[in-house]
Amino acid sequence: MPEGSLSKRFSAQDASFLYLEKEEAPLHIGSLGIFEGQVQYQRFVDTVNAKLHLIPRYLQRVVPAPFNVGHPSWEWDPDFDITRHIMRVKIDAPGSDEQLMELSAKLFAPKLDRGKPLWELYIIEGLAGDRSAMVSKVHHCLVDGVSGVELFMIIMDVSADMPPVEPRPLQERPPIPGPLKLFAEAALDTLSQRIDRIAEVQRSIGDSLTVGSERGRAIVRALENSRAYVTAPVARAPFNKPLQKDRSAAVSEFSFAEIRAIRQSVGGTVNDVVLAVLGGALGRYLEMHGQSIEGRAMRILTPVNVRSEDERGALGNRVSMLLVEVPVGVSDPVERLQIVNARTQVLKRTGVAQGTEILSQGINDVPPALQAFMGSLPTPPNTLANMICTNVPGPMIPLYTVGRRLLSLYPLVPLGWEMGIGCGVMSYDQKLTFGLMSASADASDVTRLKEFVDQAFVELRSAAGVEKSDIPQLGLAEDEGADRRRVAGATVESMAADAG
C-alpha cells in the first residue's frame, strides 16, 4: 500500500465513526487471538515495526479541521512510538480462560487515544496450558471488518519459519500543518468534494435517462423494505437499554465443515446458518428473562460488504446494512433456518443492500460541521433493531507470528445505540468463531447466551442429520473438573437436542 496512494481526507462514512463515538460506546473493532506457546514480546514488536511501512496509515493520527470546515485528515504522527501501541500484559495465576475473557473485555472497553494512531495490540502472557493471547483494537474509521482482516494478514505470517523482515528506513515526512494551512486544505477539499458530488449526481441522472433507472428502483426498494421497521417499533429485548462503559465477553467456535454440511443438507448460506443459530439462542435467552417468544422475531442488523474486487486491500469503510427479522419462537431449527434463508433471499433479490448503500451516500451532502454537531447530540432511542451480527470471512489457513501458531481467532465487536449485546462471527483455519460482547461488567448474562448459542448449534446440526466433526478445538481450554457450562470460553456441546 504505497504512501502516495493514501488520501489524507476522511470520507463522510469514515468520519461518521468519529463523530458518533461516545465514552460508553467506543467505535473500534478488534479480536482475541490465542497462540500456541509464548509470543516473545520484543521479537513481536520488532517484527511488526519492520512491516509498518506496508500499512502506513497505522503511522498516522487523526487531525480535526478547524471549525469542522471539512472532515478530519490523516497526518503523520511526529511522536510515533510503537511501544505506545503494542503493550505487554501479564495475566494472574492460574491464567484460566475465565480470567482471559474478563481481561480481554476490560482491555477492549476504553476508547482509543486520538492523540496517536488509532490502533493497539496487547500481548497477554501467563495463560495456562503454555499459551499466550493477543487483543487487537483498531478504530472503525480506519477499517471495516473485511479490510481489517486483510491488514491482519500483513501483520501475521503463513509459516512458522518465515525469514525476518528487514526494517525499511522511514522516509522524511512533513510535520502536522498549522491551523491556517489545515483550514485552507479542508476548505479546498470540501469544495472539491462538492463539485465531484454534483458531477456524480448529473452522471446518475444521465445514466437513468439512457440505461434505465435501476439506481432509483434500488432506492425505492430499500425505502419500502425499511418502512415497516420505521413505523412499527421493535419489541425490546432485556439488553436493549442505555449502555454502560464496562464490557464482558464470551466466545464459541464450531467446525466450518459442519457449517457447510448443514447448509448443503438444508439450504441457505453460511450467514443464514449463523442467524438461525443465533435465533435459537435468543429464544432461550428471552425465555430465561421471562419474555414470551410465541410468534416473535428479533430484528438483527447484518453489515454487508460492498467492497468491489479492485478495492481489495484498501482502507476505509465500504459496508451496507440489511435488517433481517429472525424468528425466535420457531422451535424446529431446520424450519427456522429455512425461514431465515427465505427472508434473506428476498432482501438480496430486491437489491436492498445496494439501495441502502445509495441512501447512505446522502451523508456526503451533509456539511462536515453539521455532521459533527449531530454526532455530539444525545443518542435517540433505538426503535429499529435489537442487535448487530457481523460475519467476516477470515483466512482459512493457519497463521503464525514470531514462530507461534495462532490457534483460534475470535471477533470483538463494538456496541452502540442501546444494543447492549453484539455478536461477531469470523472464519479462521476451518472453524467458525462467535464473539459475544455485552455492555455490562457482569458476564453471567452474556455467558448464558453463549451457552444457548452452543446448544442451538448442536440442535441444528442434529436436525440437519450432520455428523459431529473430529476436528480438534485448539483455542480456549477447559479447566479440568470444572462445570463445562460455566467456562466462558469453552465450546459447550451439551445434548441440546434433548433440552427443553
Protein backbone atom coordinates (compact mmCIF):
# COMPACT_ATOMS: atom_id res chain seq x y z
CA MET A 1 0.00 0.00 0.00
CA PRO A 2 2.19 2.89 -1.22
CA GLU A 3 2.22 6.02 0.90
CA GLY A 4 1.45 8.22 -2.07
CA SER A 5 -1.80 6.36 -2.83
CA LEU A 6 -3.35 7.26 0.53
CA SER A 7 -5.94 10.02 0.64
CA LYS A 8 -5.44 12.38 3.56
CA ARG A 9 -9.05 13.46 3.89
CA PHE A 10 -11.63 11.31 5.64
CA SER A 11 -14.65 10.18 3.69
CA ALA A 12 -18.02 11.10 5.17
CA GLN A 13 -18.67 7.47 6.18
CA ASP A 14 -15.28 7.07 7.85
CA ALA A 15 -15.66 10.40 9.67
CA SER A 16 -19.09 9.40 10.97
CA PHE A 17 -17.46 6.76 13.18
CA LEU A 18 -15.53 9.55 14.89
CA TYR A 19 -18.50 11.88 15.21
CA LEU A 20 -20.84 9.21 16.62
CA GLU A 21 -18.40 7.76 19.16
CA LYS A 22 -19.37 8.13 22.84
CA GLU A 23 -17.49 7.35 26.05
CA GLU A 24 -19.90 4.48 26.72
CA ALA A 25 -19.92 3.42 23.07
CA PRO A 26 -16.39 3.38 21.58
CA LEU A 27 -16.35 2.52 17.89
CA HIS A 28 -13.32 0.31 17.44
CA ILE A 29 -13.30 -3.27 16.19
CA GLY A 30 -10.93 -6.00 17.28
CA SER A 31 -10.19 -9.60 18.00
CA LEU A 32 -8.87 -12.03 20.57
CA GLY A 33 -6.22 -14.39 19.25
CA ILE A 34 -4.87 -17.38 21.17
CA PHE A 35 -1.41 -18.71 20.35
CA GLU A 36 0.38 -21.96 20.97
CA GLY A 37 3.36 -21.28 23.23
CA GLN A 38 4.62 -17.89 24.40
CA VAL A 39 4.78 -14.98 21.95
CA GLN A 40 8.07 -13.21 22.68
CA TYR A 41 7.13 -9.58 23.20
CA GLN A 42 10.26 -7.80 21.95
CA ARG A 43 10.59 -10.07 18.93
CA PHE A 44 6.93 -9.44 18.08
CA VAL A 45 7.39 -5.65 18.44
CA ASP A 46 10.44 -5.73 16.17
CA THR A 47 8.59 -7.84 13.59
CA VAL A 48 5.56 -5.55 13.45
CA ASN A 49 7.77 -2.47 13.40
CA ALA A 50 9.59 -3.84 10.35
CA LYS A 51 6.27 -4.28 8.50
CA LEU A 52 4.64 -0.94 9.32
CA HIS A 53 5.80 0.56 6.03
CA LEU A 54 3.28 -1.82 4.38
CA ILE A 55 0.43 -0.16 6.30
CA PRO A 56 1.50 3.50 6.55
CA ARG A 57 -1.92 4.60 7.79
CA TYR A 58 -1.01 2.95 11.09
CA LEU A 59 1.69 5.65 11.44
CA GLN A 60 -0.81 8.49 11.06
CA ARG A 61 -3.11 10.18 13.56
CA VAL A 62 -6.44 11.98 13.25
CA VAL A 63 -6.24 15.78 12.99
CA PRO A 64 -9.59 17.65 13.04
CA ALA A 65 -10.15 20.51 10.64
CA PRO A 66 -10.51 23.94 12.33
CA PHE A 67 -14.17 24.73 12.97
CA ASN A 68 -15.01 21.43 11.23
CA VAL A 69 -14.89 23.21 7.89
CA GLY A 70 -14.04 19.80 6.47
CA HIS A 71 -13.73 16.26 7.68
CA PRO A 72 -10.58 15.37 9.65
CA SER A 73 -7.36 14.46 7.89
CA TRP A 74 -4.73 11.78 8.45
CA GLU A 75 -1.36 13.29 9.33
CA TRP A 76 1.96 11.65 10.12
CA ASP A 77 2.42 11.25 13.86
CA PRO A 78 5.66 13.11 14.69
CA ASP A 79 5.93 11.32 18.05
CA PHE A 80 5.16 7.79 16.89
CA ASP A 81 6.36 5.20 19.38
CA ILE A 82 5.42 1.58 18.71
CA THR A 83 5.60 0.74 22.42
CA ARG A 84 2.57 3.01 22.92
CA HIS A 85 0.67 0.69 20.58
CA ILE A 86 1.94 -2.79 21.49
CA MET A 87 1.68 -3.41 25.20
CA ARG A 88 2.60 -6.36 27.39
CA VAL A 89 0.11 -7.68 29.97
CA LYS A 90 0.65 -10.46 32.49
CA ILE A 91 -2.41 -12.44 33.50
CA ASP A 92 -2.64 -13.50 37.14
CA ALA A 93 -2.16 -17.16 38.04
CA PRO A 94 -3.62 -19.63 37.23
CA GLY A 95 -4.28 -17.91 33.89
CA SER A 96 -7.68 -19.52 33.28
CA ASP A 97 -9.99 -18.95 30.34
CA GLU A 98 -12.45 -17.06 32.55
CA GLN A 99 -9.66 -14.68 33.54
CA LEU A 100 -8.68 -14.26 29.89
CA MET A 101 -12.22 -13.35 28.86
CA GLU A 102 -12.53 -10.87 31.73
CA LEU A 103 -9.17 -9.26 30.88
CA SER A 104 -9.92 -9.15 27.15
CA ALA A 105 -13.21 -7.33 27.74
CA LYS A 106 -11.50 -4.90 30.14
CA LEU A 107 -8.77 -4.09 27.62
CA PHE A 108 -11.26 -3.72 24.78
CA ALA A 109 -13.67 -1.41 26.63
CA PRO A 110 -11.95 2.03 26.67
CA LYS A 111 -11.83 4.46 23.75
CA LEU A 112 -8.64 4.70 21.76
CA ASP A 113 -6.48 7.76 22.40
CA ARG A 114 -6.95 10.17 19.48
CA GLY A 115 -3.58 11.74 20.24
CA LYS A 116 -1.86 8.83 18.49
CA PRO A 117 -2.63 6.45 15.58
CA LEU A 118 -5.88 4.65 16.34
CA TRP A 119 -4.77 1.06 16.98
CA GLU A 120 -3.46 -1.02 19.88
CA LEU A 121 -2.25 -4.59 20.42
CA TYR A 122 -1.95 -6.29 23.80
CA ILE A 123 0.27 -9.36 24.22
CA ILE A 124 -1.11 -11.40 27.14
CA GLU A 125 1.32 -13.71 28.93
CA GLY A 126 0.82 -16.32 31.62
CA LEU A 127 -2.12 -18.19 30.11
CA ALA A 128 -2.50 -21.76 31.37
CA GLY A 129 -1.60 -24.62 29.05
CA ASP A 130 1.52 -22.97 27.63
CA ARG A 131 -0.49 -20.49 25.56
CA SER A 132 -0.44 -16.74 25.06
CA ALA A 133 -3.01 -14.34 23.65
CA MET A 134 -3.36 -11.07 21.77
CA VAL A 135 -6.15 -8.50 21.93
CA SER A 136 -6.31 -6.10 18.97
CA LYS A 137 -8.15 -2.77 18.74
CA VAL A 138 -8.48 -0.74 15.52
CA HIS A 139 -10.81 2.22 15.16
CA HIS A 140 -13.73 1.72 12.80
CA CYS A 141 -12.88 4.98 10.99
CA LEU A 142 -9.71 3.25 9.79
CA VAL A 143 -11.08 -0.11 8.64
CA ASP A 144 -14.22 -2.17 8.31
CA GLY A 145 -14.29 -5.87 9.12
CA VAL A 146 -13.11 -7.02 5.69
CA SER A 147 -10.21 -4.58 5.29
CA GLY A 148 -9.31 -5.23 8.94
CA VAL A 149 -8.78 -8.92 8.19
CA GLU A 150 -6.68 -8.08 5.14
CA LEU A 151 -4.45 -5.88 7.29
CA PHE A 152 -4.25 -8.62 9.92
CA MET A 153 -2.83 -10.87 7.21
CA ILE A 154 0.03 -8.39 6.73
CA ILE A 155 0.98 -8.50 10.41
CA MET A 156 0.78 -12.32 10.58
CA ASP A 157 2.80 -14.96 8.70
CA VAL A 158 1.67 -18.01 6.72
CA SER A 159 4.55 -20.13 8.01
CA ALA A 160 6.25 -20.68 11.36
CA ASP A 161 9.72 -20.22 9.90
CA MET A 162 9.38 -17.07 7.81
CA PRO A 163 12.67 -15.18 7.39
CA PRO A 164 12.90 -11.98 9.44
CA VAL A 165 11.79 -8.79 7.72
CA GLU A 166 14.46 -6.14 7.35
CA PRO A 167 13.27 -2.77 8.68
CA ARG A 168 12.77 -0.17 5.98
CA PRO A 169 14.22 3.31 6.62
CA LEU A 170 11.47 5.84 7.21
CA GLN A 171 11.04 8.47 4.53
CA GLU A 172 11.13 12.08 5.56
CA ARG A 173 7.57 13.11 6.27
CA PRO A 174 6.04 16.56 6.64
CA PRO A 175 5.03 17.78 10.11
CA ILE A 176 1.40 18.34 11.06
CA PRO A 177 0.31 21.58 9.33
CA GLY A 178 -0.53 24.66 11.34
CA PRO A 179 -4.13 25.84 11.87
CA LEU A 180 -4.23 28.16 8.84
CA LYS A 181 -2.97 25.50 6.45
CA LEU A 182 -5.31 22.89 7.97
CA PHE A 183 -8.25 25.29 7.46
CA ALA A 184 -7.30 26.10 3.87
CA GLU A 185 -6.72 22.46 2.90
CA ALA A 186 -10.00 21.35 4.49
CA ALA A 187 -11.97 24.14 2.79
CA LEU A 188 -10.48 23.31 -0.62
CA ASP A 189 -11.06 19.57 -0.16
CA THR A 190 -14.68 20.18 0.86
CA LEU A 191 -15.24 22.37 -2.20
CA SER A 192 -13.66 19.71 -4.43
CA GLN A 193 -15.85 17.01 -2.90
CA ARG A 194 -18.94 19.17 -3.51
CA ILE A 195 -18.02 19.58 -7.19
CA ASP A 196 -17.39 15.83 -7.52
CA ARG A 197 -20.72 15.13 -5.84
CA ILE A 198 -22.60 17.41 -8.26
CA ALA A 199 -20.90 15.70 -11.20
CA GLU A 200 -21.82 12.30 -9.77
CA VAL A 201 -25.48 13.29 -9.42
CA GLN A 202 -25.50 14.58 -13.01
CA ARG A 203 -23.99 11.31 -14.26
CA SER A 204 -26.61 9.36 -12.33
CA ILE A 205 -29.39 11.39 -13.93
CA GLY A 206 -27.83 10.84 -17.37
CA ASP A 207 -27.49 7.12 -16.75
CA SER A 208 -31.11 6.92 -15.65
CA LEU A 209 -32.23 8.54 -18.89
CA THR A 210 -30.05 6.36 -21.13
CA VAL A 211 -29.86 2.94 -19.47
CA GLY A 212 -32.84 2.95 -17.13
CA SER A 213 -33.39 3.92 -13.52
CA GLU A 214 -32.05 0.84 -11.69
CA ARG A 215 -30.40 3.15 -9.15
CA GLY A 216 -33.72 4.80 -8.42
CA ARG A 217 -35.52 1.46 -8.19
CA ALA A 218 -32.90 0.22 -5.71
CA ILE A 219 -33.58 3.27 -3.52
CA VAL A 220 -37.33 2.70 -3.70
CA ARG A 221 -36.93 -0.97 -2.73
CA ALA A 222 -34.72 -0.01 0.23
CA LEU A 223 -37.28 2.56 1.39
CA GLU A 224 -40.14 0.09 1.02
CA ASN A 225 -38.23 -2.52 3.00
CA SER A 226 -37.43 -0.12 5.83
CA ARG A 227 -40.90 1.45 6.06
CA ALA A 228 -42.40 -1.37 8.14
CA TYR A 229 -39.49 -1.27 10.59
CA VAL A 230 -39.71 2.51 11.00
CA THR A 231 -43.48 2.57 11.53
CA ALA A 232 -43.53 -0.44 13.90
CA PRO A 233 -41.13 -0.02 16.87
CA VAL A 234 -39.02 -3.04 17.70
CA ALA A 235 -40.01 -5.28 20.62
CA ARG A 236 -37.19 -4.57 23.05
CA ALA A 237 -35.02 -7.34 24.47
CA PRO A 238 -33.65 -7.15 28.04
CA PHE A 239 -30.33 -5.82 26.70
CA ASN A 240 -31.92 -3.01 24.65
CA LYS A 241 -31.19 -0.20 27.10
CA PRO A 242 -28.67 2.63 27.58
CA LEU A 243 -25.12 1.35 27.56
CA GLN A 244 -22.58 1.24 30.37
CA LYS A 245 -18.82 1.74 29.93
CA ASP A 246 -17.97 -1.75 31.20
CA ARG A 247 -17.79 -4.76 28.90
CA SER A 248 -17.95 -8.54 29.26
CA ALA A 249 -17.37 -11.14 26.58
CA ALA A 250 -17.86 -14.81 25.77
CA VAL A 251 -16.81 -16.84 22.73
CA SER A 252 -17.55 -20.11 20.95
CA GLU A 253 -16.12 -21.95 17.98
CA PHE A 254 -17.54 -24.55 15.61
CA SER A 255 -16.28 -26.72 12.78
CA PHE A 256 -16.64 -24.98 9.43
CA ALA A 257 -17.03 -28.39 7.81
CA GLU A 258 -20.16 -28.93 9.92
CA ILE A 259 -21.46 -25.49 8.95
CA ARG A 260 -21.01 -26.33 5.25
CA ALA A 261 -22.66 -29.72 5.72
CA ILE A 262 -25.68 -28.06 7.38
CA ARG A 263 -26.17 -25.60 4.53
CA GLN A 264 -25.75 -28.38 1.97
CA SER A 265 -28.34 -30.50 3.76
CA VAL A 266 -30.93 -27.80 4.49
CA GLY A 267 -30.05 -24.99 2.09
CA GLY A 268 -29.09 -21.38 2.66
CA THR A 269 -25.78 -19.64 3.16
CA VAL A 270 -23.26 -19.69 5.98
CA ASN A 271 -24.71 -16.39 7.16
CA ASP A 272 -28.21 -17.92 7.17
CA VAL A 273 -26.92 -20.75 9.38
CA VAL A 274 -25.37 -18.18 11.73
CA LEU A 275 -28.63 -16.22 12.02
CA ALA A 276 -30.66 -19.40 12.55
CA VAL A 277 -28.34 -20.48 15.38
CA LEU A 278 -28.46 -17.00 16.89
CA GLY A 279 -32.27 -17.02 16.64
CA GLY A 280 -32.47 -20.28 18.59
CA ALA A 281 -30.11 -18.89 21.25
CA LEU A 282 -32.04 -15.63 21.56
CA GLY A 283 -35.32 -17.53 22.00
CA ARG A 284 -33.88 -19.35 25.03
CA TYR A 285 -32.39 -16.09 26.31
CA LEU A 286 -35.73 -14.27 26.16
CA GLU A 287 -37.47 -17.15 27.93
CA MET A 288 -34.78 -17.06 30.64
CA HIS A 289 -35.77 -13.43 31.21
CA GLY A 290 -39.46 -14.26 31.35
CA GLN A 291 -40.42 -12.90 27.92
CA SER A 292 -42.81 -14.69 25.59
CA ILE A 293 -41.37 -15.83 22.25
CA GLU A 294 -44.56 -17.05 20.58
CA GLY A 295 -44.68 -15.60 17.07
CA ARG A 296 -41.78 -13.30 17.90
CA ALA A 297 -38.86 -12.27 15.72
CA MET A 298 -35.71 -10.38 16.63
CA ARG A 299 -34.53 -7.67 14.27
CA ILE A 300 -30.84 -8.19 13.57
CA LEU A 301 -28.72 -5.73 11.60
CA THR A 302 -26.22 -7.55 9.41
CA PRO A 303 -23.48 -5.47 7.76
CA VAL A 304 -22.95 -6.38 4.10
CA ASN A 305 -19.62 -5.93 2.35
CA VAL A 306 -19.98 -3.87 -0.83
CA ARG A 307 -16.25 -3.58 -1.47
CA SER A 308 -15.53 -4.29 -5.14
CA GLU A 309 -12.72 -6.58 -6.27
CA ASP A 310 -10.48 -3.65 -7.24
CA GLU A 311 -10.87 -2.23 -3.71
CA ARG A 312 -9.34 -5.26 -2.02
CA GLY A 313 -6.56 -4.13 0.33
CA ALA A 314 -7.94 -0.58 0.52
CA LEU A 315 -8.57 1.02 3.87
CA GLY A 316 -11.75 2.72 4.99
CA ASN A 317 -15.34 1.52 5.17
CA ARG A 318 -17.42 0.03 2.37
CA VAL A 319 -20.38 -1.59 4.07
CA SER A 320 -24.13 -1.51 3.76
CA MET A 321 -26.73 -2.94 6.15
CA LEU A 322 -29.53 -5.48 5.95
CA LEU A 323 -32.17 -5.73 8.67
CA VAL A 324 -33.28 -9.35 8.99
CA GLU A 325 -36.22 -10.50 11.12
CA VAL A 326 -35.02 -13.73 12.69
CA PRO A 327 -37.76 -15.94 14.20
CA VAL A 328 -37.06 -16.86 17.83
CA GLY A 329 -40.34 -18.64 18.54
CA VAL A 330 -39.84 -21.41 15.96
CA SER A 331 -38.69 -24.50 17.85
CA ASP A 332 -37.73 -26.58 14.79
CA PRO A 333 -34.18 -25.44 13.91
CA VAL A 334 -34.46 -26.58 10.29
CA GLU A 335 -37.68 -24.63 9.80
CA ARG A 336 -36.03 -21.60 11.45
CA LEU A 337 -33.12 -21.81 9.00
CA GLN A 338 -35.48 -22.11 6.03
CA ILE A 339 -37.42 -19.03 7.17
CA VAL A 340 -34.20 -17.04 7.59
CA ASN A 341 -32.99 -18.15 4.16
CA ALA A 342 -36.27 -17.17 2.50
CA ARG A 343 -36.14 -13.71 4.07
CA THR A 344 -32.51 -13.03 3.19
CA GLN A 345 -33.09 -14.25 -0.38
CA VAL A 346 -35.86 -11.68 -0.82
CA LEU A 347 -33.60 -8.93 0.53
CA LYS A 348 -30.77 -9.93 -1.83
CA ARG A 349 -33.02 -10.44 -4.84
CA THR A 350 -34.56 -7.00 -4.49
CA GLY A 351 -31.17 -5.29 -4.05
CA VAL A 352 -31.96 -3.77 -0.66
CA ALA A 353 -28.28 -3.65 0.36
CA GLN A 354 -27.37 -1.69 -2.77
CA GLY A 355 -30.28 0.68 -2.23
CA THR A 356 -29.32 1.19 1.40
CA GLU A 357 -25.76 2.00 0.36
CA ILE A 358 -27.01 4.55 -2.17
CA LEU A 359 -29.19 6.13 0.52
CA SER A 360 -26.29 6.20 2.96
CA GLN A 361 -24.26 8.15 0.40
CA GLY A 362 -26.60 11.02 1.18
CA ILE A 363 -24.33 11.65 4.18
CA ASN A 364 -21.88 13.09 1.63
CA ASP A 365 -24.28 16.00 1.18
CA VAL A 366 -24.29 16.90 4.88
CA PRO A 367 -21.74 19.66 5.68
CA PRO A 368 -18.97 18.32 7.94
CA ALA A 369 -19.70 20.89 10.67
CA LEU A 370 -23.35 19.84 10.79
CA GLN A 371 -22.41 16.15 10.73
CA ALA A 372 -20.01 16.68 13.66
CA PHE A 373 -22.66 18.62 15.60
CA MET A 374 -25.30 15.94 15.04
CA GLY A 375 -22.85 13.32 16.29
CA SER A 376 -22.36 15.27 19.53
CA LEU A 377 -26.09 15.18 20.34
CA PRO A 378 -27.53 12.57 22.74
CA THR A 379 -28.27 9.29 21.00
CA PRO A 380 -32.01 8.95 20.23
CA PRO A 381 -33.92 5.88 21.47
CA ASN A 382 -33.49 2.79 19.32
CA THR A 383 -36.82 1.67 17.88
CA LEU A 384 -35.36 -0.07 14.82
CA ALA A 385 -33.23 -3.11 15.75
CA ASN A 386 -32.35 -5.43 18.63
CA MET A 387 -28.71 -6.18 17.85
CA ILE A 388 -25.95 -6.31 15.23
CA CYS A 389 -24.43 -9.55 13.98
CA THR A 390 -21.34 -9.22 11.79
CA ASN A 391 -19.92 -12.08 9.73
CA VAL A 392 -16.42 -11.53 8.40
CA PRO A 393 -14.62 -14.09 6.21
CA GLY A 394 -11.16 -14.69 7.58
CA PRO A 395 -8.16 -16.77 6.47
CA MET A 396 -8.93 -20.50 6.31
CA ILE A 397 -5.29 -21.50 6.75
CA PRO A 398 -3.28 -21.42 10.00
CA LEU A 399 -1.34 -18.23 10.67
CA TYR A 400 1.76 -17.60 12.76
CA THR A 401 3.62 -14.80 14.45
CA VAL A 402 7.26 -15.00 15.55
CA GLY A 403 7.01 -18.76 15.05
CA ARG A 404 3.92 -19.26 17.23
CA ARG A 405 0.78 -20.74 15.69
CA LEU A 406 -2.47 -18.84 16.03
CA LEU A 407 -4.83 -21.49 17.41
CA SER A 408 -8.07 -19.52 17.41
CA LEU A 409 -9.27 -16.06 16.43
CA TYR A 410 -12.43 -14.57 17.96
CA PRO A 411 -14.04 -11.27 16.89
CA LEU A 412 -14.62 -8.47 19.40
CA VAL A 413 -17.37 -6.07 18.33
CA PRO A 414 -18.32 -2.51 19.29
CA LEU A 415 -21.70 -1.73 20.85
CA GLY A 416 -23.98 1.26 20.38
CA TRP A 417 -27.47 2.68 20.11
CA GLU A 418 -28.99 0.79 23.05
CA MET A 419 -27.93 -2.55 21.58
CA GLY A 420 -26.31 -3.87 24.76
CA ILE A 421 -25.21 -7.19 23.26
CA GLY A 422 -23.49 -7.63 19.91
CA CYS A 423 -22.38 -10.71 18.02
CA GLY A 424 -19.35 -11.03 15.79
CA VAL A 425 -18.69 -14.09 13.62
CA MET A 426 -15.43 -14.90 11.86
CA SER A 427 -13.98 -17.82 9.95
CA TYR A 428 -10.41 -18.95 10.61
CA ASP A 429 -8.48 -22.16 9.94
CA GLN A 430 -11.51 -24.37 9.19
CA LYS A 431 -13.51 -23.03 12.13
CA LEU A 432 -16.29 -20.51 12.58
CA THR A 433 -15.97 -18.45 15.75
CA PHE A 434 -18.58 -16.41 17.60
CA GLY A 435 -17.69 -13.44 19.79
CA LEU A 436 -20.42 -12.05 22.05
CA MET A 437 -19.89 -8.65 23.68
CA SER A 438 -22.06 -7.17 26.43
CA ALA A 439 -22.21 -3.65 27.87
CA SER A 440 -22.03 -4.92 31.42
CA ALA A 441 -19.30 -5.89 33.87
CA ASP A 442 -21.41 -8.91 34.88
CA ALA A 443 -20.51 -11.73 32.50
CA SER A 444 -23.24 -14.11 33.66
CA ASP A 445 -25.82 -12.85 31.16
CA VAL A 446 -23.61 -13.00 28.07
CA THR A 447 -22.15 -16.33 29.21
CA ARG A 448 -25.65 -17.82 29.34
CA LEU A 449 -26.34 -16.50 25.83
CA LYS A 450 -23.08 -18.14 24.69
CA GLU A 451 -24.27 -21.45 26.18
CA PHE A 452 -27.55 -21.06 24.30
CA VAL A 453 -25.61 -20.47 21.05
CA ASP A 454 -23.74 -23.73 21.62
CA GLN A 455 -26.98 -25.59 22.31
CA ALA A 456 -28.75 -24.09 19.28
CA PHE A 457 -25.88 -25.13 17.01
CA VAL A 458 -25.92 -28.74 18.24
CA GLU A 459 -29.70 -28.84 17.78
CA LEU A 460 -29.43 -27.58 14.20
CA ARG A 461 -26.60 -29.94 13.37
CA SER A 462 -28.57 -32.90 14.73
CA ALA A 463 -31.80 -31.88 12.96
CA ALA A 464 -29.90 -31.47 9.67
CA GLY A 465 -28.51 -35.01 10.01
CA VAL A 466 -24.89 -33.85 10.11
CA GLU A 467 -22.32 -35.93 11.96
CA LYS A 468 -20.04 -34.28 14.50
CA SER A 469 -16.64 -33.44 13.02
CA ASP A 470 -13.49 -34.83 14.60
CA ILE A 471 -11.57 -31.58 14.04
CA PRO A 472 -9.99 -30.70 17.42
CA GLN A 473 -10.86 -27.43 19.12
CA LEU A 474 -7.46 -25.86 19.80
CA GLY A 475 -8.25 -22.46 21.25
CA LEU A 476 -9.67 -21.92 24.69
CA ALA A 477 -9.05 -24.77 27.08
CA GLU A 478 -11.26 -26.40 29.64
CA ASP A 479 -10.48 -26.29 33.34
CA GLU A 480 -10.24 -29.92 34.36
CA GLY A 481 -13.07 -30.91 36.66
CA ALA A 482 -14.95 -27.63 36.20
CA ASP A 483 -18.59 -27.39 35.21
CA ARG A 484 -18.39 -27.01 31.42
CA ARG A 485 -21.39 -24.72 31.28
CA ARG A 486 -19.61 -22.16 33.46
CA VAL A 487 -16.44 -21.95 31.37
CA ALA A 488 -16.92 -18.69 29.47
CA GLY A 489 -14.69 -19.63 26.57
CA ALA A 490 -15.07 -23.38 26.08
CA THR A 491 -17.29 -24.68 23.33
CA VAL A 492 -20.18 -26.35 25.15
CA GLU A 493 -21.77 -29.23 23.27
CA SER A 494 -24.41 -30.35 25.72
CA MET A 495 -27.23 -32.54 24.43
CA ALA A 496 -29.22 -29.58 23.22
CA ALA A 497 -31.47 -31.75 21.13
CA ASP A 498 -32.77 -33.21 24.37
CA ALA A 499 -33.00 -29.85 26.14
CA GLY A 500 -36.26 -28.04 26.69
